[in-house]
């Protein structure tokens, strides 16, 4: 019988469109990693909350990967802040499902984000299954670098994260920096923290036939100077920094206006439903609404075209566990300008595949962006470096290293072997 992993991801569904609401890089991470683990001989069930009526009990999304909906009596959308109230109901739903399976059906639990970690903690205590947890983002890290107008993460979340850290048999961090934060800010045992770097789909995200063909297909002017932001539209992701940077650039170089275009691709996230409209109003106030273009997220099949069409992809996040957008863009041959924070310092090779910017001063961002736009030969060198840098981050390696963590946990004599689901 193949080993089976029960993956918990309850605050967002892997079936949702990334870039809208709470769906983002974590959705991509969980699905891609699950598919590559399945290709290496593991069955993966991804449990998520049924947020609307009429959803199927299960959806097979790849060979060996199934999304399973945990039903509660609240079949309606809930904010992340409201979801902790559903932990007991979700635990009950999982246990009812487990009752129909053999006692050794699952080998290990792997939770993603702290709310799923709380659920994993409850299930682990009831089943004896060891819990592996990946934070993706951490309240204490985010609160150290808040954007203007951003609300600090509540104390209840920080406490919940501390509890998950204490309950988990192993913690997976995206980078050495994140591992250090788990130890220093959450008192994690260093021996239980493992670094597994995320990846990129190197078959989907490729340079393809190049920028000119991508622009023809998307009906973008061949001589445009195009900047792209891809992600959820929320203060923490920093799209306002780009709008202000563009305004700053046009003050110093008004001749850019005829060719410059900033594409902001994404949807409103969480409680920031009005954020896109606020940013549109800001662009108009700054006099750059003619060069700032807002777009809804596109499918994973179309996204590589937009990366290839851009001269630069910008990731001005205030903190970032890793930054999959940066890696995807580089795999398509587009240099990245990113904040020198968190995992972006790993995802982007400064001076080789792009540029890292200290802080979020629009003047500093404007200077870096303007200089790169004025140096096409430099961008070409960065493009070659971007392709090479991204080539070292395939999802196959992420899956293999994740399975290695599972093996270490299951071979630990302090762990209960396999499952004792009753």
Protein backbone atom coordinates (compact mmCIF):
# COMPACT_ATOMS: atom_id res chain seq x y z
CA UNK A 1 0.00 0.00 0.00
CA UNK A 2 1.31 3.44 -0.91
CA UNK A 3 2.08 5.85 1.95
CA UNK A 4 -0.68 8.41 2.40
CA UNK A 5 -0.37 11.99 3.56
CA UNK A 6 -3.29 13.96 5.04
CA UNK A 7 -2.63 17.59 4.10
CA UNK A 8 -4.64 20.26 5.93
CA UNK A 9 -5.36 23.58 4.21
CA UNK A 10 -8.61 24.93 5.58
CA UNK A 11 -8.53 28.71 5.24
CA UNK A 12 -8.37 28.57 1.44
CA UNK A 13 -9.07 25.85 -1.09
CA UNK A 14 -6.48 24.52 -3.53
CA UNK A 15 -9.26 24.73 -6.14
CA UNK A 16 -9.50 28.53 -5.86
CA UNK A 17 -7.93 31.05 -8.26
CA UNK A 18 -4.64 32.31 -6.87
CA UNK A 19 -4.45 36.09 -6.50
CA UNK A 20 -7.96 36.62 -5.12
CA UNK A 21 -9.17 36.58 -1.52
CA UNK A 22 -6.95 34.39 0.62
CA UNK A 23 -5.72 32.30 -2.31
CA UNK A 24 -2.11 32.99 -3.16
CA UNK A 25 1.30 31.39 -3.34
CA UNK A 26 0.40 28.87 -0.65
CA UNK A 27 -2.30 27.42 -2.92
CA UNK A 28 0.28 26.92 -5.66
CA UNK A 29 2.80 25.49 -3.18
CA UNK A 30 0.43 22.87 -1.75
CA UNK A 31 -0.86 21.67 -5.11
CA UNK A 32 2.50 21.56 -6.90
CA UNK A 33 4.26 19.86 -4.01
CA UNK A 34 1.45 17.32 -3.66
CA UNK A 35 1.56 16.44 -7.35
CA UNK A 36 5.31 15.95 -7.31
CA UNK A 37 5.14 13.85 -4.13
CA UNK A 38 2.44 11.73 -5.76
CA UNK A 39 4.72 11.23 -8.75
CA UNK A 40 7.28 9.80 -6.31
CA UNK A 41 4.82 7.17 -5.04
CA UNK A 42 2.82 8.90 -2.30
CA UNK A 43 -0.96 9.38 -2.07
CA UNK A 44 -1.94 12.89 -0.93
CA UNK A 45 -5.37 13.91 0.37
CA UNK A 46 -5.75 17.68 0.75
CA UNK A 47 -8.46 18.51 3.29
CA UNK A 48 -10.08 21.91 2.99
CA UNK A 49 -13.22 23.48 4.39
CA UNK A 50 -16.44 23.29 2.37
CA UNK A 51 -17.30 27.00 2.24
CA UNK A 52 -20.38 26.74 -0.01
CA UNK A 53 -23.22 24.23 -0.38
CA UNK A 54 -23.22 21.59 -3.08
CA UNK A 55 -19.50 20.92 -3.25
CA UNK A 56 -18.50 17.33 -4.08
CA UNK A 57 -17.10 15.28 -1.26
CA UNK A 58 -13.86 14.84 -3.17
CA UNK A 59 -12.18 16.15 -6.31
CA UNK A 60 -9.25 14.35 -7.95
CA UNK A 61 -6.87 17.03 -9.26
CA UNK A 62 -4.05 14.70 -10.34
CA UNK A 63 -3.09 11.06 -10.20
CA UNK A 64 -2.65 10.37 -6.49
CA UNK A 65 -3.86 13.81 -5.33
CA UNK A 66 -7.42 14.35 -4.06
CA UNK A 67 -9.05 17.41 -2.55
CA UNK A 68 -11.52 16.43 0.18
CA UNK A 69 -14.09 18.85 1.58
CA UNK A 70 -14.68 18.90 5.31
CA UNK A 71 -18.29 19.84 5.90
CA UNK A 72 -19.52 21.76 8.93
CA UNK A 73 -22.87 23.35 9.60
CA UNK A 74 -21.55 26.71 8.36
CA UNK A 75 -21.53 26.27 4.59
CA UNK A 76 -20.75 29.91 3.86
CA UNK A 77 -17.67 32.03 3.30
CA UNK A 78 -15.91 33.04 6.51
CA UNK A 79 -12.97 35.37 7.04
CA UNK A 80 -9.70 34.02 8.38
CA UNK A 81 -10.48 35.79 11.64
CA UNK A 82 -13.71 33.78 11.96
CA UNK A 83 -12.27 30.39 11.07
CA UNK A 84 -10.76 29.48 14.47
CA UNK A 85 -14.35 29.12 15.68
CA UNK A 86 -14.69 26.17 13.28
CA UNK A 87 -11.76 24.09 14.59
CA UNK A 88 -13.98 21.77 16.66
CA UNK A 89 -16.42 21.24 13.79
CA UNK A 90 -13.60 20.60 11.33
CA UNK A 91 -11.97 18.14 13.74
CA UNK A 92 -15.27 16.28 14.06
CA UNK A 93 -15.68 16.19 10.28
CA UNK A 94 -12.20 14.78 9.78
CA UNK A 95 -12.66 12.15 12.49
CA UNK A 96 -15.95 10.98 10.94
CA UNK A 97 -14.12 10.55 7.65
CA UNK A 98 -11.25 8.69 9.36
CA UNK A 99 -13.69 6.25 10.99
CA UNK A 100 -14.48 4.83 7.55
CA UNK A 101 -10.82 4.07 6.82
CA UNK A 102 -8.38 1.42 8.06
CA UNK A 103 -6.41 2.31 11.16
CA UNK A 104 -3.16 2.67 9.18
CA UNK A 105 -4.71 4.67 6.31
CA UNK A 106 -2.59 7.80 6.82
CA UNK A 107 1.06 7.95 7.79
CA UNK A 108 1.43 11.61 8.65
CA UNK A 109 -0.39 14.96 8.91
CA UNK A 110 0.96 18.06 7.19
CA UNK A 111 -0.75 21.38 7.97
CA UNK A 112 -0.29 24.68 6.14
CA UNK A 113 -0.85 28.08 7.83
CA UNK A 114 -1.57 28.43 11.52
CA UNK A 115 -5.33 27.79 11.43
CA UNK A 116 -4.73 24.44 9.74
CA UNK A 117 -2.00 23.87 12.30
CA UNK A 118 -4.55 24.24 15.09
CA UNK A 119 -6.74 21.65 13.36
CA UNK A 120 -3.72 19.39 12.86
CA UNK A 121 -2.88 19.66 16.56
CA UNK A 122 -6.38 18.46 17.50
CA UNK A 123 -6.33 15.59 14.99
CA UNK A 124 -2.81 14.54 15.95
CA UNK A 125 -3.76 14.17 19.61
CA UNK A 126 -6.79 12.08 18.69
CA UNK A 127 -5.11 9.82 16.15
CA UNK A 128 -1.47 9.61 17.19
CA UNK A 129 -0.44 10.80 13.74
CA UNK A 130 2.71 12.95 13.86
CA UNK A 131 2.16 16.55 12.74
CA UNK A 132 4.41 18.38 10.29
CA UNK A 133 3.62 22.08 9.91
CA UNK A 134 4.54 24.79 7.39
CA UNK A 135 3.78 28.35 8.53
CA UNK A 136 4.02 30.18 5.16
CA UNK A 137 3.61 33.48 7.01
CA UNK A 138 4.03 34.35 10.68
CA UNK A 139 2.26 37.04 12.69
CA UNK A 140 5.35 38.13 14.60
CA UNK A 141 7.35 38.52 11.39
CA UNK A 142 4.59 40.46 9.62
CA UNK A 143 4.10 42.78 12.59
CA UNK A 144 7.77 43.76 12.47
CA UNK A 145 7.32 45.22 8.97
CA UNK A 146 3.81 46.63 8.51
CA UNK A 147 2.84 48.66 5.49
CA UNK A 148 1.17 52.03 5.94
CA UNK A 149 -2.50 51.41 6.62
CA UNK A 150 -1.94 47.74 7.35
CA UNK A 151 -3.41 46.30 10.55
CA UNK A 152 -1.13 44.32 12.84
CA UNK A 153 -1.89 40.63 13.17
CA UNK A 154 -3.80 40.00 16.42
CA UNK A 155 -2.26 38.51 19.54
CA UNK A 156 -4.61 35.53 19.24
CA UNK A 157 -2.89 34.50 16.01
CA UNK A 158 0.59 34.80 17.52
CA UNK A 159 -0.51 32.67 20.48
CA UNK A 160 -2.08 30.13 18.12
CA UNK A 161 1.15 29.93 16.13
CA UNK A 162 3.16 29.37 19.31
CA UNK A 163 0.85 26.49 20.22
CA UNK A 164 1.26 24.88 16.79
CA UNK A 165 5.05 25.21 16.99
CA UNK A 166 5.00 23.43 20.36
CA UNK A 167 2.67 20.66 19.09
CA UNK A 168 4.38 19.86 15.79
CA UNK A 169 6.81 16.99 15.43
CA UNK A 170 8.55 18.93 12.66
CA UNK A 171 8.40 22.42 11.19
CA UNK A 172 9.22 23.15 7.56
CA UNK A 173 10.65 26.59 6.77
CA UNK A 174 11.12 27.98 3.26
CA UNK A 175 14.52 29.55 3.95
CA UNK A 176 17.25 29.74 6.56
CA UNK A 177 15.92 33.17 7.54
CA UNK A 178 12.46 31.75 8.22
CA UNK A 179 13.98 28.90 10.20
CA UNK A 180 15.83 31.44 12.33
CA UNK A 181 12.57 33.33 12.96
CA UNK A 182 10.86 30.15 14.13
CA UNK A 183 13.64 29.57 16.64
CA UNK A 184 14.14 33.16 17.81
CA UNK A 185 10.54 34.43 17.78
CA UNK A 186 8.62 31.22 18.54
CA UNK A 187 11.10 29.27 20.64
CA UNK A 188 11.04 26.34 18.20
CA UNK A 189 13.46 23.53 18.91
CA UNK A 190 16.19 23.86 16.23
CA UNK A 191 16.29 20.08 15.78
CA UNK A 192 12.64 20.12 14.67
CA UNK A 193 13.06 22.89 12.08
CA UNK A 194 13.86 21.78 8.52
CA UNK A 195 14.52 24.07 5.54
CA UNK A 196 12.78 23.00 2.33
CA UNK A 197 12.92 25.62 -0.42
CA UNK A 198 9.79 26.00 -2.61
CA UNK A 199 9.99 25.53 -6.35
CA UNK A 200 8.65 26.54 -9.71
CA UNK A 201 7.02 24.55 -12.50
CA UNK A 202 9.91 24.58 -14.98
CA UNK A 203 7.76 23.00 -17.69
CA UNK A 204 5.07 25.69 -17.50
CA UNK A 205 7.16 28.76 -16.69
CA UNK A 206 9.73 29.02 -19.48
CA UNK A 207 11.09 31.79 -21.71
CA UNK A 208 9.02 30.29 -24.52
CA UNK A 209 9.49 32.09 -27.82
CA UNK A 210 10.35 35.34 -26.10
CA UNK A 211 8.95 38.74 -25.24
CA UNK A 212 7.97 39.87 -28.75
CA UNK A 213 5.75 36.86 -29.41
CA UNK A 214 4.15 37.17 -25.95
CA UNK A 215 3.34 40.81 -26.64
CA UNK A 216 1.86 39.99 -30.01
CA UNK A 217 -0.41 37.40 -28.42
CA UNK A 218 -1.47 39.81 -25.64
CA UNK A 219 -1.76 42.82 -27.98
CA UNK A 220 0.88 44.83 -26.12
CA UNK A 221 2.95 47.41 -28.01
CA UNK A 222 6.41 46.03 -28.87
CA UNK A 223 8.18 49.19 -27.65
CA UNK A 224 6.25 49.52 -24.36
CA UNK A 225 8.23 49.68 -21.12
CA UNK A 226 6.12 47.32 -19.06
CA UNK A 227 6.28 46.74 -15.32
CA UNK A 228 4.15 43.97 -13.78
CA UNK A 229 2.86 43.27 -10.29
CA UNK A 230 1.20 39.88 -9.77
CA UNK A 231 -0.49 39.02 -6.49
CA UNK A 232 -3.24 39.80 -4.05
CA UNK A 233 -3.99 43.50 -3.81
CA UNK A 234 -3.36 44.31 -0.17
CA UNK A 235 -1.09 46.83 1.58
CA UNK A 236 1.33 44.13 2.73
CA UNK A 237 2.15 43.17 -0.88
CA UNK A 238 3.17 46.77 -1.60
CA UNK A 239 1.38 47.71 -4.87
CA UNK A 240 1.10 51.29 -3.59
CA UNK A 241 4.90 51.48 -3.58
CA UNK A 242 4.91 50.80 -7.32
CA UNK A 243 2.24 53.37 -8.10
CA UNK A 244 4.13 56.03 -6.18
CA UNK A 245 7.40 54.91 -7.80
CA UNK A 246 5.91 55.32 -11.27
CA UNK A 247 4.70 58.81 -10.35
CA UNK A 248 8.19 59.65 -9.08
CA UNK A 249 9.80 58.34 -12.28
CA UNK A 250 7.54 60.45 -14.47
CA UNK A 251 8.40 63.58 -12.51
CA UNK A 252 12.08 63.11 -13.31
CA UNK A 253 11.67 61.54 -16.75
CA UNK A 254 8.38 62.77 -18.26
CA UNK A 255 9.39 61.34 -21.68
CA UNK A 256 8.71 57.85 -20.25
CA UNK A 257 4.96 58.48 -20.15
CA UNK A 258 4.45 57.61 -23.82
CA UNK A 259 5.79 54.09 -23.34
CA UNK A 260 5.54 53.25 -19.63
CA UNK A 261 2.88 50.83 -18.41
CA UNK A 262 2.39 49.36 -14.92
CA UNK A 263 0.13 46.30 -14.90
CA UNK A 264 -1.29 45.40 -11.48
CA UNK A 265 -2.74 41.91 -11.78
CA UNK A 266 -4.68 40.59 -8.82
CA UNK A 267 -7.83 40.77 -6.75
CA UNK A 268 -8.89 42.14 -3.40
CA UNK A 269 -7.79 40.10 -0.42
CA UNK A 270 -9.32 39.44 3.00
CA UNK A 271 -10.75 42.53 4.66
CA UNK A 272 -9.24 44.82 2.00
CA UNK A 273 -12.16 44.63 -0.40
CA UNK A 274 -11.86 48.35 -1.14
CA UNK A 275 -8.08 48.32 -1.70
CA UNK A 276 -8.22 48.16 -5.54
CA UNK A 277 -10.53 51.18 -5.66
CA UNK A 278 -8.30 53.06 -3.23
CA UNK A 279 -5.27 52.38 -5.40
CA UNK A 280 -7.13 53.49 -8.53
CA UNK A 281 -8.02 56.72 -6.77
CA UNK A 282 -4.39 57.15 -5.70
CA UNK A 283 -3.17 56.66 -9.28
CA UNK A 284 -5.62 59.32 -10.46
CA UNK A 285 -4.58 61.72 -7.67
CA UNK A 286 -0.91 61.27 -8.61
CA UNK A 287 -1.70 61.79 -12.28
CA UNK A 288 -0.57 58.34 -13.43
CA UNK A 289 -3.91 56.63 -14.02
CA UNK A 290 -3.13 56.64 -17.74
CA UNK A 291 -0.13 54.35 -17.24
CA UNK A 292 -1.42 52.17 -14.38
CA UNK A 293 -3.63 49.30 -15.53
CA UNK A 294 -5.54 47.01 -13.16
CA UNK A 295 -6.33 43.45 -14.24
CA UNK A 296 -8.05 40.45 -12.74
CA UNK A 297 -5.87 37.38 -12.17
CA UNK A 298 -5.39 35.10 -15.15
CA UNK A 299 -5.17 31.32 -15.32
CA UNK A 300 -1.91 29.46 -14.71
CA UNK A 301 -1.81 28.69 -18.43
CA UNK A 302 -1.87 32.38 -19.41
CA UNK A 303 0.33 33.71 -16.62
CA UNK A 304 3.66 32.82 -18.30
CA UNK A 305 2.70 35.02 -21.26
CA UNK A 306 2.31 38.02 -18.98
CA UNK A 307 5.61 37.34 -17.25
CA UNK A 308 7.39 37.08 -20.61
CA UNK A 309 5.74 40.26 -21.90
CA UNK A 310 7.00 42.35 -18.98
CA UNK A 311 10.35 44.13 -18.94
CA UNK A 312 10.46 43.85 -15.15
CA UNK A 313 8.31 42.04 -12.59
CA UNK A 314 8.16 43.92 -9.29
CA UNK A 315 7.62 42.33 -5.86
CA UNK A 316 7.57 45.15 -3.25
CA UNK A 317 6.26 43.04 -0.35
CA UNK A 318 6.86 44.18 3.23
CA UNK A 319 7.61 40.60 4.24
CA UNK A 320 7.52 37.39 2.26
CA UNK A 321 7.97 33.81 3.36
CA UNK A 322 9.44 33.10 -0.07
CA UNK A 323 7.89 34.81 -3.11
CA UNK A 324 6.80 32.33 -5.79
CA UNK A 325 5.90 35.15 -8.20
CA UNK A 326 9.55 36.21 -8.27
CA UNK A 327 10.66 32.68 -9.12
CA UNK A 328 7.99 32.17 -11.79
CA UNK A 329 8.88 35.45 -13.51
CA UNK A 330 12.59 34.60 -13.55
CA UNK A 331 11.88 31.15 -15.00
CA UNK A 332 10.17 33.00 -17.87
CA UNK A 333 13.29 35.08 -18.41
CA UNK A 334 12.09 38.32 -16.83
CA UNK A 335 14.28 40.10 -14.27
CA UNK A 336 12.72 40.88 -10.90
CA UNK A 337 12.93 43.96 -8.70
CA UNK A 338 12.00 42.91 -5.16
CA UNK A 339 12.17 44.04 -1.57
CA UNK A 340 15.23 42.79 0.29
CA UNK A 341 13.10 40.96 2.85
CA UNK A 342 12.50 37.37 3.98
CA UNK A 343 12.52 34.68 1.33
CA UNK A 344 12.88 37.18 -1.51
CA UNK A 345 16.57 37.37 -0.65
CA UNK A 346 16.74 33.72 -1.68
CA UNK A 347 14.25 33.82 -4.54
CA UNK A 348 16.11 36.67 -6.27
CA UNK A 349 19.88 36.67 -6.86
CA UNK A 350 20.73 40.34 -6.42
CA UNK A 351 22.66 41.69 -9.40
CA UNK A 352 22.40 38.36 -11.24
CA UNK A 353 18.68 37.69 -11.81
CA UNK A 354 17.30 41.03 -10.66
CA UNK A 355 17.68 43.72 -8.04
CA UNK A 356 16.83 43.78 -4.34
CA UNK A 357 15.75 47.12 -2.88
CA UNK A 358 16.22 48.02 0.78
CA UNK A 359 13.05 49.51 2.23
CA UNK A 360 9.94 50.81 0.49
CA UNK A 361 10.78 54.42 -0.31
CA UNK A 362 9.18 55.16 -3.72
CA UNK A 363 12.19 57.32 -4.61
CA UNK A 364 14.57 54.39 -4.11
CA UNK A 365 12.31 52.07 -6.08
CA UNK A 366 11.95 54.66 -8.83
CA UNK A 367 15.73 55.01 -9.10
CA UNK A 368 16.28 51.24 -9.44
CA UNK A 369 13.42 50.74 -11.92
CA UNK A 370 14.31 53.79 -14.04
CA UNK A 371 17.94 52.73 -14.29
CA UNK A 372 17.02 49.23 -15.45
CA UNK A 373 14.49 50.51 -17.96
CA UNK A 374 17.19 52.74 -19.43
CA UNK A 375 19.65 49.84 -19.80
CA UNK A 376 18.27 47.15 -22.13
CA UNK A 377 21.66 45.43 -22.31
CA UNK A 378 21.68 45.11 -18.53
CA UNK A 379 18.17 43.68 -18.57
CA UNK A 380 19.28 41.10 -21.13
CA UNK A 381 22.10 39.94 -18.86
CA UNK A 382 19.71 39.79 -15.91
CA UNK A 383 17.26 37.80 -18.03
CA UNK A 384 19.89 35.15 -18.70
CA UNK A 385 20.78 35.11 -15.02
CA UNK A 386 17.11 34.83 -14.09
CA UNK A 387 16.60 31.72 -16.22
CA UNK A 388 19.68 30.07 -14.74
CA UNK A 389 18.78 31.03 -11.16
CA UNK A 390 15.22 29.70 -11.44
CA UNK A 391 16.44 26.43 -12.97
CA UNK A 392 17.75 25.37 -9.56
CA UNK A 393 14.28 25.49 -7.95
CA UNK A 394 12.22 22.66 -9.44
CA UNK A 395 9.24 21.31 -7.47
CA UNK A 396 10.69 17.80 -7.75
CA UNK A 397 13.43 18.78 -5.33
CA UNK A 398 10.92 20.39 -2.98
CA UNK A 399 8.83 17.21 -2.95
CA UNK A 400 11.85 14.99 -2.40
CA UNK A 401 13.07 17.11 0.51
CA UNK A 402 9.57 17.20 2.02
CA UNK A 403 9.40 13.40 1.89
CA UNK A 404 12.82 13.28 3.57
CA UNK A 405 11.35 15.29 6.47
CA UNK A 406 8.45 12.83 6.72
CA UNK A 407 10.90 9.93 6.81
CA UNK A 408 12.90 11.57 9.60
CA UNK A 409 9.76 12.12 11.65
CA UNK A 410 8.49 8.58 11.15
CA UNK A 411 11.88 7.08 12.00
CA UNK A 412 12.10 9.04 15.26
CA UNK A 413 11.62 6.54 18.11
CA UNK A 414 9.72 9.21 20.04
CA UNK A 415 7.00 9.18 17.37
CA UNK A 416 4.15 6.68 17.28
CA UNK A 417 4.75 4.70 14.06
CA UNK A 418 2.21 5.03 11.29
CA UNK A 419 -1.44 5.67 12.13
CA UNK A 420 -3.57 4.61 15.03
CA UNK A 421 -6.78 6.18 13.69
CA UNK A 422 -9.70 4.70 15.56
